[in-house]
Every structure is written in structure tokens, then in C-alpha cells.
């Protein structure tokens, strides 16, 4: 039970940053794709 509670609290805190994380990943993926297109 302790581990489950820790995970729950972790995700509860993480949800606050989820939006920014998704934006960062999208920007990173777009940058990588653009780099592949440019260098190929």
C-alpha cells in the first residue's frame, strides 16, 4: 500500500508539470524531425 500511495502522490505532483513537459517533448520532437528533413 505504501508504494501505491507514493506513486499516487508522485503523479498528483507531476500533473502540475504535465502541460509544460508535453510542450517540451513536442518542441523536441519537432526539432528532431526538422533536423532530419534539413540534413537529409
N, C-alpha and C. Protein backbone atom coordinates (compact mmCIF):
# COMPACT_ATOMS: atom_id res chain seq x y z
N UNK A 1 0.83 -1.20 0.00
CA UNK A 1 0.00 0.00 0.00
C UNK A 1 0.87 1.26 0.00
N UNK A 2 1.97 1.22 0.72
CA UNK A 2 2.84 2.40 0.82
C UNK A 2 3.34 2.81 -0.57
N UNK A 3 3.77 1.82 -1.35
CA UNK A 3 4.27 2.14 -2.69
C UNK A 3 3.17 2.78 -3.54
N UNK A 4 1.95 2.24 -3.47
CA UNK A 4 0.84 2.79 -4.23
C UNK A 4 0.58 4.23 -3.84
N UNK A 5 0.60 4.52 -2.56
CA UNK A 5 0.37 5.89 -2.11
C UNK A 5 1.47 6.81 -2.61
N UNK A 6 2.71 6.34 -2.57
CA UNK A 6 3.81 7.17 -3.04
C UNK A 6 3.64 7.48 -4.52
N UNK A 7 3.29 6.45 -5.31
CA UNK A 7 3.07 6.67 -6.74
C UNK A 7 1.94 7.68 -6.94
N UNK A 8 0.85 7.54 -6.18
CA UNK A 8 -0.29 8.44 -6.33
C UNK A 8 0.13 9.88 -6.06
N UNK A 9 0.85 10.10 -4.96
CA UNK A 9 1.28 11.46 -4.63
C UNK A 9 2.25 11.97 -5.70
N UNK A 10 3.11 11.06 -6.21
CA UNK A 10 4.05 11.46 -7.25
C UNK A 10 3.31 11.95 -8.47
N UNK A 11 2.30 11.18 -8.91
CA UNK A 11 1.54 11.59 -10.11
C UNK A 11 0.73 12.84 -9.83
N UNK A 12 0.23 12.99 -8.62
CA UNK A 12 -0.52 14.20 -8.28
C UNK A 12 0.36 15.43 -8.44
N UNK A 13 1.61 15.34 -7.95
CA UNK A 13 2.56 16.45 -8.11
C UNK A 13 2.93 16.61 -9.58
N UNK A 14 3.11 15.48 -10.27
CA UNK A 14 3.60 15.51 -11.66
C UNK A 14 2.57 16.15 -12.59
N UNK A 15 1.29 15.97 -12.28
CA UNK A 15 0.25 16.54 -13.15
C UNK A 15 0.40 18.04 -13.29
N UNK A 16 0.92 18.72 -12.25
CA UNK A 16 1.10 20.17 -12.32
C UNK A 16 2.08 20.53 -13.43
N UNK A 17 3.09 19.67 -13.66
CA UNK A 17 4.11 19.95 -14.66
C UNK A 17 3.84 19.26 -16.00
N UNK A 18 2.77 18.46 -16.06
CA UNK A 18 2.50 17.65 -17.26
C UNK A 18 2.39 18.54 -18.50
N UNK A 19 1.67 19.65 -18.41
CA UNK A 19 1.49 20.53 -19.56
C UNK A 19 2.82 21.00 -20.11
N UNK A 20 3.68 21.53 -19.25
CA UNK A 20 4.98 22.01 -19.69
C UNK A 20 5.82 20.87 -20.26
N UNK A 21 5.77 19.70 -19.63
CA UNK A 21 6.54 18.55 -20.12
C UNK A 21 6.11 18.19 -21.53
N UNK A 22 4.80 18.13 -21.76
CA UNK A 22 4.28 17.77 -23.09
C UNK A 22 4.75 18.80 -24.11
N UNK A 23 4.68 20.09 -23.75
CA UNK A 23 5.14 21.13 -24.68
C UNK A 23 6.61 20.94 -25.00
N UNK A 24 7.43 20.67 -23.99
CA UNK A 24 8.87 20.46 -24.22
C UNK A 24 9.10 19.28 -25.15
N UNK A 25 8.40 18.17 -24.90
CA UNK A 25 8.58 16.99 -25.75
C UNK A 25 8.15 17.28 -27.18
N UNK A 26 7.03 17.98 -27.36
CA UNK A 26 6.55 18.30 -28.71
C UNK A 26 7.58 19.15 -29.44
N UNK A 27 8.13 20.17 -28.74
CA UNK A 27 9.14 21.02 -29.36
C UNK A 27 10.38 20.21 -29.71
N UNK A 28 10.80 19.32 -28.81
CA UNK A 28 11.97 18.49 -29.09
C UNK A 28 11.74 17.61 -30.30
N UNK A 29 10.58 16.94 -30.35
CA UNK A 29 10.27 16.05 -31.48
C UNK A 29 10.24 16.83 -32.78
N UNK A 30 9.59 18.00 -32.77
CA UNK A 30 9.53 18.82 -33.99
C UNK A 30 10.93 19.24 -34.41
N UNK A 31 11.77 19.60 -33.46
CA UNK A 31 13.15 19.99 -33.77
C UNK A 31 13.92 18.84 -34.40
N UNK A 32 13.75 17.64 -33.86
CA UNK A 32 14.44 16.47 -34.40
C UNK A 32 13.96 16.20 -35.82
N UNK A 33 12.64 16.25 -36.04
CA UNK A 33 12.09 15.99 -37.38
C UNK A 33 12.60 17.04 -38.37
N UNK A 34 12.58 18.30 -37.97
CA UNK A 34 13.09 19.36 -38.86
C UNK A 34 14.56 19.12 -39.16
N UNK A 35 15.33 18.75 -38.15
CA UNK A 35 16.76 18.47 -38.37
C UNK A 35 16.96 17.34 -39.36
N UNK A 36 16.18 16.28 -39.24
CA UNK A 36 16.31 15.14 -40.18
C UNK A 36 15.97 15.60 -41.59
N UNK A 37 14.88 16.37 -41.73
CA UNK A 37 14.47 16.83 -43.06
C UNK A 37 15.56 17.73 -43.66
N UNK A 38 16.11 18.64 -42.86
CA UNK A 38 17.11 19.60 -43.36
C UNK A 38 18.38 18.86 -43.77
N UNK A 39 18.85 17.94 -42.91
CA UNK A 39 20.13 17.27 -43.17
C UNK A 39 20.01 16.13 -44.17
N UNK A 40 18.79 15.72 -44.46
CA UNK A 40 18.60 14.68 -45.48
C UNK A 40 18.22 15.34 -46.81
